PDB file of N, CA and C in Angstrom:
ATOM      1  N   MET A   1       2.317 -16.234-235.712  1.00  0.00           N
ATOM      2  CA  MET A   1       2.105 -17.504-235.052  1.00  0.00           C
ATOM      3  C   MET A   1       3.433 -18.198-234.772  1.00  0.00           C
ATOM      4  N   THR A   2       4.350 -18.129-235.714  1.00  0.00           N
ATOM      5  CA  THR A   2       5.645 -18.761-235.539  1.00  0.00           C
ATOM      6  C   THR A   2       6.439 -18.087-234.433  1.00  0.00           C
ATOM      7  N   ILE A   3       6.322 -16.772-234.316  1.00  0.00           N
ATOM      8  CA  ILE A   3       7.020 -16.041-233.266  1.00  0.00           C
ATOM      9  C   ILE A   3       6.485 -16.461-231.899  1.00  0.00           C
ATOM     10  N   PHE A   4       5.166 -16.633-231.819  1.00  0.00           N
ATOM     11  CA  PHE A   4       4.565 -17.053-230.561  1.00  0.00           C
ATOM     12  C   PHE A   4       5.076 -18.438-230.144  1.00  0.00           C
ATOM     13  N   ILE A   5       5.157 -19.374-231.096  1.00  0.00           N
ATOM     14  CA  ILE A   5       5.629 -20.725-230.799  1.00  0.00           C
ATOM     15  C   ILE A   5       7.094 -20.690-230.378  1.00  0.00           C
ATOM     16  N   LEU A   6       7.908 -19.898-231.073  1.00  0.00           N
ATOM     17  CA  LEU A   6       9.316 -19.776-230.715  1.00  0.00           C
ATOM     18  C   LEU A   6       9.463 -19.177-229.316  1.00  0.00           C
ATOM     19  N   TYR A   7       8.689 -18.109-229.019  1.00  0.00           N
ATOM     20  CA  TYR A   7       8.729 -17.469-227.702  1.00  0.00           C
ATOM     21  C   TYR A   7       8.275 -18.445-226.615  1.00  0.00           C
ATOM     22  N   TYR A   8       7.241 -19.223-226.909  1.00  0.00           N
ATOM     23  CA  TYR A   8       6.741 -20.207-225.955  1.00  0.00           C
ATOM     24  C   TYR A   8       7.806 -21.260-225.665  1.00  0.00           C
ATOM     25  N   ARG A   9       8.519 -21.717-226.677  1.00  0.00           N
ATOM     26  CA  ARG A   9       9.548 -22.729-226.470  1.00  0.00           C
ATOM     27  C   ARG A   9      10.701 -22.187-225.640  1.00  0.00           C
ATOM     28  N   ILE A  10      11.065 -20.935-225.837  1.00  0.00           N
ATOM     29  CA  ILE A  10      12.145 -20.339-225.058  1.00  0.00           C
ATOM     30  C   ILE A  10      11.746 -20.242-223.590  1.00  0.00           C
ATOM     31  N   ILE A  11      10.556 -19.736-223.323  1.00  0.00           N
ATOM     32  CA  ILE A  11      10.079 -19.612-221.937  1.00  0.00           C
ATOM     33  C   ILE A  11       9.908 -20.996-221.312  1.00  0.00           C
ATOM     34  N   TYR A  12       9.348 -21.935-222.052  1.00  0.00           N
ATOM     35  CA  TYR A  12       9.140 -23.278-221.525  1.00  0.00           C
ATOM     36  C   TYR A  12      10.466 -23.940-221.174  1.00  0.00           C
ATOM     37  N   SER A  13      11.473 -23.752-222.029  1.00  0.00           N
ATOM     38  CA  SER A  13      12.767 -24.375-221.744  1.00  0.00           C
ATOM     39  C   SER A  13      13.419 -23.750-220.513  1.00  0.00           C
ATOM     40  N   LYS A  14      13.218 -22.436-220.300  1.00  0.00           N
ATOM     41  CA  LYS A  14      13.783 -21.800-219.109  1.00  0.00           C
ATOM     42  C   LYS A  14      13.083 -22.302-217.852  1.00  0.00           C
ATOM     43  N   VAL A  15      11.770 -22.376-217.893  1.00  0.00           N
ATOM     44  CA  VAL A  15      11.019 -22.864-216.731  1.00  0.00           C
ATOM     45  C   VAL A  15      11.326 -24.330-216.491  1.00  0.00           C
ATOM     46  N   TYR A  16      11.382 -25.109-217.550  1.00  0.00           N
ATOM     47  CA  TYR A  16      11.664 -26.536-217.409  1.00  0.00           C
ATOM     48  C   TYR A  16      13.072 -26.751-216.861  1.00  0.00           C
ATOM     49  N   GLY A  17      14.009 -25.918-217.253  1.00  0.00           N
ATOM     50  CA  GLY A  17      15.363 -26.019-216.720  1.00  0.00           C
ATOM     51  C   GLY A  17      15.396 -25.737-215.236  1.00  0.00           C
ATOM     52  N   LYS A  18      14.591 -24.775-214.766  1.00  0.00           N
ATOM     53  CA  LYS A  18      14.538 -24.478-213.331  1.00  0.00           C
ATOM     54  C   LYS A  18      13.890 -25.621-212.566  1.00  0.00           C
ATOM     55  N   ILE A  19      12.887 -26.221-213.161  1.00  0.00           N
ATOM     56  CA  ILE A  19      12.244 -27.354-212.514  1.00  0.00           C
ATOM     57  C   ILE A  19      13.235 -28.512-212.400  1.00  0.00           C
ATOM     58  N   MET A  20      14.034 -28.714-213.413  1.00  0.00           N
ATOM     59  CA  MET A  20      15.019 -29.795-213.382  1.00  0.00           C
ATOM     60  C   MET A  20      16.061 -29.576-212.282  1.00  0.00           C
ATOM     61  N   LYS A  21      16.385 -28.323-211.977  1.00  0.00           N
ATOM     62  CA  LYS A  21      17.343 -28.065-210.908  1.00  0.00           C
ATOM     63  C   LYS A  21      16.780 -28.521-209.562  1.00  0.00           C
ATOM     64  N   PHE A  22      15.491 -28.267-209.340  1.00  0.00           N
ATOM     65  CA  PHE A  22      14.878 -28.698-208.087  1.00  0.00           C
ATOM     66  C   PHE A  22      14.619 -30.202-208.091  1.00  0.00           C
ATOM     67  N   ASP A  23      14.517 -30.775-209.258  1.00  0.00           N
ATOM     68  CA  ASP A  23      14.227 -32.196-209.366  1.00  0.00           C
ATOM     69  C   ASP A  23      15.430 -33.054-209.006  1.00  0.00           C
ATOM     70  N   ARG A  24      16.608 -32.492-208.974  1.00  0.00           N
ATOM     71  CA  ARG A  24      17.820 -33.273-208.692  1.00  0.00           C
ATOM     72  C   ARG A  24      17.865 -33.776-207.260  1.00  0.00           C
ATOM     73  N   TRP A  25      17.381 -33.000-206.301  1.00  0.00           N
ATOM     74  CA  TRP A  25      17.478 -33.426-204.907  1.00  0.00           C
ATOM     75  C   TRP A  25      16.297 -34.281-204.477  1.00  0.00           C
ATOM     76  N   ILE A  26      15.277 -34.385-205.322  1.00  0.00           N
ATOM     77  CA  ILE A  26      14.144 -35.262-205.007  1.00  0.00           C
ATOM     78  C   ILE A  26      14.483 -36.653-205.536  1.00  0.00           C
ATOM     79  N   THR A  27      14.983 -37.481-204.652  1.00  0.00           N
ATOM     80  CA  THR A  27      15.365 -38.831-205.040  1.00  0.00           C
ATOM     81  C   THR A  27      14.395 -39.829-204.419  1.00  0.00           C
ATOM     82  N   LYS A  28      14.608 -41.070-204.750  1.00  0.00           N
ATOM     83  CA  LYS A  28      13.753 -42.128-204.213  1.00  0.00           C
ATOM     84  C   LYS A  28      13.900 -42.233-202.695  1.00  0.00           C
ATOM     85  N   ASP A  29      15.105 -42.012-202.192  1.00  0.00           N
ATOM     86  CA  ASP A  29      15.330 -42.088-200.743  1.00  0.00           C
ATOM     87  C   ASP A  29      14.599 -40.980-199.993  1.00  0.00           C
ATOM     88  N   ILE A  30      14.593 -39.781-200.553  1.00  0.00           N
ATOM     89  CA  ILE A  30      13.903 -38.663-199.890  1.00  0.00           C
ATOM     90  C   ILE A  30      12.401 -38.882-199.906  1.00  0.00           C
ATOM     91  N   ILE A  31      11.875 -39.373-201.012  1.00  0.00           N
ATOM     92  CA  ILE A  31      10.438 -39.656-201.068  1.00  0.00           C
ATOM     93  C   ILE A  31      10.076 -40.757-200.079  1.00  0.00           C
ATOM     94  N   HIS A  32      10.920 -41.765-199.960  1.00  0.00           N
ATOM     95  CA  HIS A  32      10.673 -42.842-198.988  1.00  0.00           C
ATOM     96  C   HIS A  32      10.715 -42.302-197.554  1.00  0.00           C
ATOM     97  N   ALA A  33      11.675 -41.435-197.268  1.00  0.00           N
ATOM     98  CA  ALA A  33      11.780 -40.867-195.919  1.00  0.00           C
ATOM     99  C   ALA A  33      10.570 -39.991-195.599  1.00  0.00           C
ATOM    100  N   LEU A  34      10.122 -39.197-196.557  1.00  0.00           N
ATOM    101  CA  LEU A  34       8.944 -38.353-196.325  1.00  0.00           C
ATOM    102  C   LEU A  34       7.685 -39.193-196.141  1.00  0.00           C
ATOM    103  N   SER A  35       7.564 -40.271-196.893  1.00  0.00           N
ATOM    104  CA  SER A  35       6.380 -41.119-196.723  1.00  0.00           C
ATOM    105  C   SER A  35       6.399 -41.822-195.364  1.00  0.00           C
ATOM    106  N   LEU A  36       7.583 -42.256-194.924  1.00  0.00           N
ATOM    107  CA  LEU A  36       7.687 -42.887-193.608  1.00  0.00           C
ATOM    108  C   LEU A  36       7.383 -41.879-192.503  1.00  0.00           C
ATOM    109  N   LEU A  37       7.880 -40.666-192.656  1.00  0.00           N
ATOM    110  CA  LEU A  37       7.631 -39.632-191.651  1.00  0.00           C
ATOM    111  C   LEU A  37       6.146 -39.279-191.570  1.00  0.00           C
ATOM    112  N   SER A  38       5.486 -39.158-192.715  1.00  0.00           N
ATOM    113  CA  SER A  38       4.053 -38.851-192.682  1.00  0.00           C
ATOM    114  C   SER A  38       3.257 -40.026-192.126  1.00  0.00           C
ATOM    115  N   TYR A  39       3.676 -41.251-192.435  1.00  0.00           N
ATOM    116  CA  TYR A  39       3.013 -42.435-191.872  1.00  0.00           C
ATOM    117  C   TYR A  39       3.127 -42.453-190.353  1.00  0.00           C
ATOM    118  N   LEU A  40       4.303 -42.137-189.851  1.00  0.00           N
ATOM    119  CA  LEU A  40       4.497 -42.130-188.397  1.00  0.00           C
ATOM    120  C   LEU A  40       3.675 -41.020-187.744  1.00  0.00           C
ATOM    121  N   GLY A  41       3.590 -39.875-188.390  1.00  0.00           N
ATOM    122  CA  GLY A  41       2.776 -38.781-187.853  1.00  0.00           C
ATOM    123  C   GLY A  41       1.309 -39.155-187.766  1.00  0.00           C
ATOM    124  N   PHE A  42       0.790 -39.753-188.856  1.00  0.00           N
ATOM    125  CA  PHE A  42      -0.606 -40.186-188.831  1.00  0.00           C
ATOM    126  C   PHE A  42      -0.831 -41.282-187.794  1.00  0.00           C
ATOM    127  N   LEU A  43       0.148 -42.137-187.618  1.00  0.00           N
ATOM    128  CA  LEU A  43       0.032 -43.221-186.641  1.00  0.00           C
ATOM    129  C   LEU A  43      -0.069 -42.672-185.224  1.00  0.00           C
ATOM    130  N   ILE A  44       0.793 -41.735-184.884  1.00  0.00           N
ATOM    131  CA  ILE A  44       0.791 -41.168-183.528  1.00  0.00           C
ATOM    132  C   ILE A  44      -0.480 -40.361-183.285  1.00  0.00           C
ATOM    133  N   VAL A  45      -0.817 -39.475-184.222  1.00  0.00           N
ATOM    134  CA  VAL A  45      -2.020 -38.640-184.052  1.00  0.00           C
ATOM    135  C   VAL A  45      -3.275 -39.505-184.056  1.00  0.00           C
ATOM    136  N   GLY A  46      -3.286 -40.550-184.886  1.00  0.00           N
ATOM    137  CA  GLY A  46      -4.450 -41.444-184.929  1.00  0.00           C
ATOM    138  C   GLY A  46      -4.670 -42.165-183.616  1.00  0.00           C
ATOM    139  N   ASN A  47      -3.601 -42.619-182.979  1.00  0.00           N
ATOM    140  CA  ASN A  47      -3.736 -43.279-181.678  1.00  0.00           C
ATOM    141  C   ASN A  47      -4.254 -42.322-180.609  1.00  0.00           C
ATOM    142  N   ILE A  48      -3.737 -41.117-180.615  1.00  0.00           N
ATOM    143  CA  ILE A  48      -4.204 -40.131-179.624  1.00  0.00           C
ATOM    144  C   ILE A  48      -5.682 -39.831-179.838  1.00  0.00           C
ATOM    145  N   LEU A  49      -6.083 -39.629-181.094  1.00  0.00           N
ATOM    146  CA  LEU A  49      -7.493 -39.341-181.377  1.00  0.00           C
ATOM    147  C   LEU A  49      -8.400 -40.525-181.055  1.00  0.00           C
ATOM    148  N   LEU A  50      -7.884 -41.733-181.254  1.00  0.00           N
ATOM    149  CA  LEU A  50      -8.668 -42.914-180.911  1.00  0.00           C
ATOM    150  C   LEU A  50      -8.963 -42.971-179.416  1.00  0.00           C
ATOM    151  N   TYR A  51      -7.957 -42.722-178.593  1.00  0.00           N
ATOM    152  CA  TYR A  51      -8.173 -42.766-177.145  1.00  0.00           C
ATOM    153  C   TYR A  51      -9.023 -41.591-176.665  1.00  0.00           C
ATOM    154  N   ILE A  52      -8.939 -40.455-177.326  1.00  0.00           N
ATOM    155  CA  ILE A  52      -9.834 -39.344-176.977  1.00  0.00           C
ATOM    156  C   ILE A  52     -11.272 -39.706-177.337  1.00  0.00           C
ATOM    157  N   ALA A  53     -11.473 -40.392-178.470  1.00  0.00           N
ATOM    158  CA  ALA A  53     -12.826 -40.823-178.844  1.00  0.00           C
ATOM    159  C   ALA A  53     -13.376 -41.839-177.856  1.00  0.00           C
ATOM    160  N   ILE A  54     -12.525 -42.737-177.387  1.00  0.00           N
ATOM    161  CA  ILE A  54     -12.969 -43.700-176.369  1.00  0.00           C
ATOM    162  C   ILE A  54     -13.367 -42.970-175.088  1.00  0.00           C
ATOM    163  N   TYR A  55     -12.581 -41.959-174.707  1.00  0.00           N
ATOM    164  CA  TYR A  55     -12.937 -41.174-173.520  1.00  0.00           C
ATOM    165  C   TYR A  55     -14.271 -40.459-173.729  1.00  0.00           C
ATOM    166  N   LYS A  56     -14.493 -39.915-174.925  1.00  0.00           N
ATOM    167  CA  LYS A  56     -15.754 -39.217-175.181  1.00  0.00           C
ATOM    168  C   LYS A  56     -16.945 -40.163-175.065  1.00  0.00           C
ATOM    169  N   LEU A  57     -16.771 -41.406-175.488  1.00  0.00           N
ATOM    170  CA  LEU A  57     -17.854 -42.383-175.315  1.00  0.00           C
ATOM    171  C   LEU A  57     -18.098 -42.681-173.844  1.00  0.00           C
ATOM    172  N   ILE A  58     -17.025 -42.826-173.077  1.00  0.00           N
ATOM    173  CA  ILE A  58     -17.173 -43.055-171.638  1.00  0.00           C
ATOM    174  C   ILE A  58     -17.837 -41.850-170.983  1.00  0.00           C
ATOM    175  N   GLU A  59     -17.437 -40.661-171.407  1.00  0.00           N
ATOM    176  CA  GLU A  59     -18.009 -39.439-170.845  1.00  0.00           C
ATOM    177  C   GLU A  59     -19.500 -39.330-171.174  1.00  0.00           C
ATOM    178  N   LYS A  60     -19.865 -39.728-172.364  1.00  0.00           N
ATOM    179  CA  LYS A  60     -21.266 -39.608-172.789  1.00  0.00           C
ATOM    180  C   LYS A  60     -22.173 -40.587-172.042  1.00  0.00           C
ATOM    181  N   TYR A  61     -21.713 -41.818-171.863  1.00  0.00           N
ATOM    182  CA  TYR A  61     -22.594 -42.846-171.305  1.00  0.00           C
ATOM    183  C   TYR A  61     -22.380 -43.134-169.821  1.00  0.00           C
ATOM    184  N   LEU A  62     -21.197 -42.847-169.276  1.00  0.00           N
ATOM    185  CA  LEU A  62     -20.960 -43.196-167.879  1.00  0.00           C
ATOM    186  C   LEU A  62     -20.762 -41.964-166.996  1.00  0.00           C
ATOM    187  N   PHE A  63     -19.579 -41.376-167.040  1.00  0.00           N
ATOM    188  CA  PHE A  63     -19.298 -40.236-166.160  1.00  0.00           C
ATOM    189  C   PHE A  63     -18.228 -39.358-166.797  1.00  0.00           C
ATOM    190  N   LYS A  64     -18.064 -38.172-166.222  1.00  0.00           N
ATOM    191  CA  LYS A  64     -17.095 -37.203-166.728  1.00  0.00           C
ATOM    192  C   LYS A  64     -15.982 -37.050-165.697  1.00  0.00           C
ATOM    193  N   SER A  65     -14.719 -37.146-166.169  1.00  0.00           N
ATOM    194  CA  SER A  65     -13.592 -37.043-165.256  1.00  0.00           C
ATOM    195  C   SER A  65     -12.395 -36.451-165.993  1.00  0.00           C
ATOM    196  N   THR A  66     -11.816 -35.399-165.427  1.00  0.00           N
ATOM    197  CA  THR A  66     -10.644 -34.770-166.036  1.00  0.00           C
ATOM    198  C   THR A  66      -9.425 -35.662-165.909  1.00  0.00           C
ATOM    199  N   ILE A  67      -9.289 -36.333-164.791  1.00  0.00           N
ATOM    200  CA  ILE A  67      -8.147 -37.222-164.581  1.00  0.00           C
ATOM    201  C   ILE A  67      -8.189 -38.386-165.569  1.00  0.00           C
ATOM    202  N   LEU A  68      -9.379 -38.920-165.826  1.00  0.00           N
ATOM    203  CA  LEU A  68      -9.524 -39.992-166.792  1.00  0.00           C
ATOM    204  C   LEU A  68      -9.154 -39.514-168.199  1.00  0.00           C
ATOM    205  N   PHE A  69      -9.495 -38.263-168.524  1.00  0.00           N
ATOM    206  CA  PHE A  69      -9.121 -37.691-169.823  1.00  0.00           C
ATOM    207  C   PHE A  69      -7.608 -37.614-169.960  1.00  0.00           C
ATOM    208  N   ILE A  70      -6.941 -37.138-168.909  1.00  0.00           N
ATOM    209  CA  ILE A  70      -5.475 -37.038-168.939  1.00  0.00           C
ATOM    210  C   ILE A  70      -4.857 -38.427-169.072  1.00  0.00           C
ATOM    211  N   ILE A  71      -5.417 -39.409-168.380  1.00  0.00           N
ATOM    212  CA  ILE A  71      -4.906 -40.774-168.470  1.00  0.00           C
ATOM    213  C   ILE A  71      -5.062 -41.317-169.886  1.00  0.00           C
ATOM    214  N   PHE A  72      -6.220 -41.091-170.488  1.00  0.00           N
ATOM    215  CA  PHE A  72      -6.446 -41.588-171.843  1.00  0.00           C
ATOM    216  C   PHE A  72      -5.538 -40.899-172.859  1.00  0.00           C
ATOM    217  N   VAL A  73      -5.293 -39.613-172.693  1.00  0.00           N
ATOM    218  CA  VAL A  73      -4.370 -38.910-173.598  1.00  0.00           C
ATOM    219  C   VAL A  73      -2.958 -39.455-173.430  1.00  0.00           C
ATOM    220  N   MET A  74      -2.539 -39.684-172.197  1.00  0.00           N
ATOM    221  CA  MET A  74      -1.202 -40.235-171.965  1.00  0.00           C
ATOM    222  C   MET A  74      -1.078 -41.649-172.544  1.00  0.00           C
ATOM    223  N   VAL A  75      -2.110 -42.467-172.377  1.00  0.00           N
ATOM    224  CA  VAL A  75      -2.087 -43.814-172.955  1.00  0.00           C
ATOM    225  C   VAL A  75      -2.048 -43.723-174.483  1.00  0.00           C
ATOM    226  N   GLY A  76      -2.762 -42.765-175.058  1.00  0.00           N
ATOM    227  CA  GLY A  76      -2.729 -42.569-176.508  1.00  0.00           C
ATOM    228  C   GLY A  76      -1.354 -42.165-177.001  1.00  0.00           C
ATOM    229  N   ILE A  77      -0.685 -41.279-176.259  1.00  0.00           N
ATOM    230  CA  ILE A  77       0.668 -40.851-176.635  1.00  0.00           C
ATOM    231  C   ILE A  77       1.644 -42.026-176.538  1.00  0.00           C
ATOM    232  N   ILE A  78       1.582 -42.765-175.448  1.00  0.00           N
ATOM    233  CA  ILE A  78       2.474 -43.913-175.272  1.00  0.00           C
ATOM    234  C   ILE A  78       2.199 -44.964-176.341  1.00  0.00           C
ATOM    235  N   SER A  79       0.940 -45.227-176.600  1.00  0.00           N
ATOM    236  CA  SER A  79       0.575 -46.204-177.619  1.00  0.00           C
ATOM    237  C   SER A  79       1.035 -45.755-179.006  1.00  0.00           C
ATOM    238  N   GLY A  80       0.882 -44.467-179.302  1.00  0.00           N
ATOM    239  CA  GLY A  80       1.318 -43.950-180.593  1.00  0.00           C
ATOM    240  C   GLY A  80       2.809 -44.075-180.798  1.00  0.00           C
ATOM    241  N   PHE A  81       3.581 -43.713-179.785  1.00  0.00           N
ATOM    242  CA  PHE A  81       5.025 -43.822-179.912  1.00  0.00           C
ATOM    243  C   PHE A  81       5.489 -45.278-179.938  1.00  0.00           C
ATOM    244  N   TYR A  82       4.804 -46.135-179.223  1.00  0.00           N
ATOM    245  CA  TYR A  82       5.161 -47.560-179.283  1.00  0.00           C
ATOM    246  C   TYR A  82       4.900 -48.124-180.676  1.00  0.00           C
ATOM    247  N   ASN A  83       3.742 -47.799-181.244  1.00  0.00           N
ATOM    248  CA  ASN A  83       3.431 -48.272-182.596  1.00  0.00           C
ATOM    249  C   ASN A  83       4.379 -47.681-183.632  1.00  0.00           C
ATOM    250  N   ALA A  84       4.804 -46.430-183.432  1.00  0.00           N
ATOM    251  CA  ALA A  84       5.786 -45.825-184.331  1.00  0.00           C
ATOM    252  C   ALA A  84       7.122 -46.555-184.216  1.00  0.00           C
ATOM    253  N   TYR A  85       7.522 -46.898-183.003  1.00  0.00           N
ATOM    254  CA  TYR A  85       8.765 -47.649-182.794  1.00  0.00           C
ATOM    255  C   TYR A  85       8.703 -49.004-183.477  1.00  0.00           C
ATOM    256  N   VAL A  86       7.585 -49.687-183.342  1.00  0.00           N
ATOM    257  CA  VAL A  86       7.422 -50.998-183.980  1.00  0.00           C
ATOM    258  C   VAL A  86       7.475 -50.852-185.501  1.00  0.00           C
ATOM    259  N   ALA A  87       6.854 -49.797-186.035  1.00  0.00           N
ATOM    260  CA  ALA A  87       6.868 -49.581-187.485  1.00  0.00           C
ATOM    261  C   ALA A  87       8.270 -49.266-187.993  1.00  0.00           C
ATOM    262  N   ILE A  88       9.043 -48.511-187.214  1.00  0.00           N
ATOM    263  CA  ILE A  88      10.407 -48.193-187.637  1.00  0.00           C
ATOM    264  C   ILE A  88      11.286 -49.442-187.589  1.00  0.00           C
ATOM    265  N   MET A  89      11.151 -50.231-186.548  1.00  0.00           N
ATOM    266  CA  MET A  89      11.988 -51.421-186.422  1.00  0.00           C
ATOM    267  C   MET A  89      11.613 -52.483-187.442  1.00  0.00           C
ATOM    268  N   LYS A  90      10.365 -52.483-187.884  1.00  0.00           N
ATOM    269  CA  LYS A  90       9.935 -53.454-188.886  1.00  0.00           C
ATOM    270  C   LYS A  90      10.571 -53.135-190.236  1.00  0.00           C
ATOM    271  N   LYS A  91      10.729 -51.852-190.533  1.00  0.00           N
ATOM    272  CA  LYS A  91      11.295 -51.452-191.823  1.00  0.00           C
ATOM    273  C   LYS A  91      12.756 -51.352-191.685  1.00  0.00           C
TER     274      LYS A  91
END
């Protein structure tokens, strides 16, 4: 039993030491940058999906148009990038 505990501590310390090496470059600034980047991605994709959903409602109840779909996607892209710009300038 004692040999097992000693062996476990040796392996654990080696693995923990490797984890600590990777832990050095994960700083508060990198985590903040990754969270901002993921927020901006969700913001842009969310705007595009919102305008596609609005088009689907128009298509279901009124009429179907390919040009209107392209317009709504373009408005979604422009809106997404504008909201991302506003979010970056706010922070």
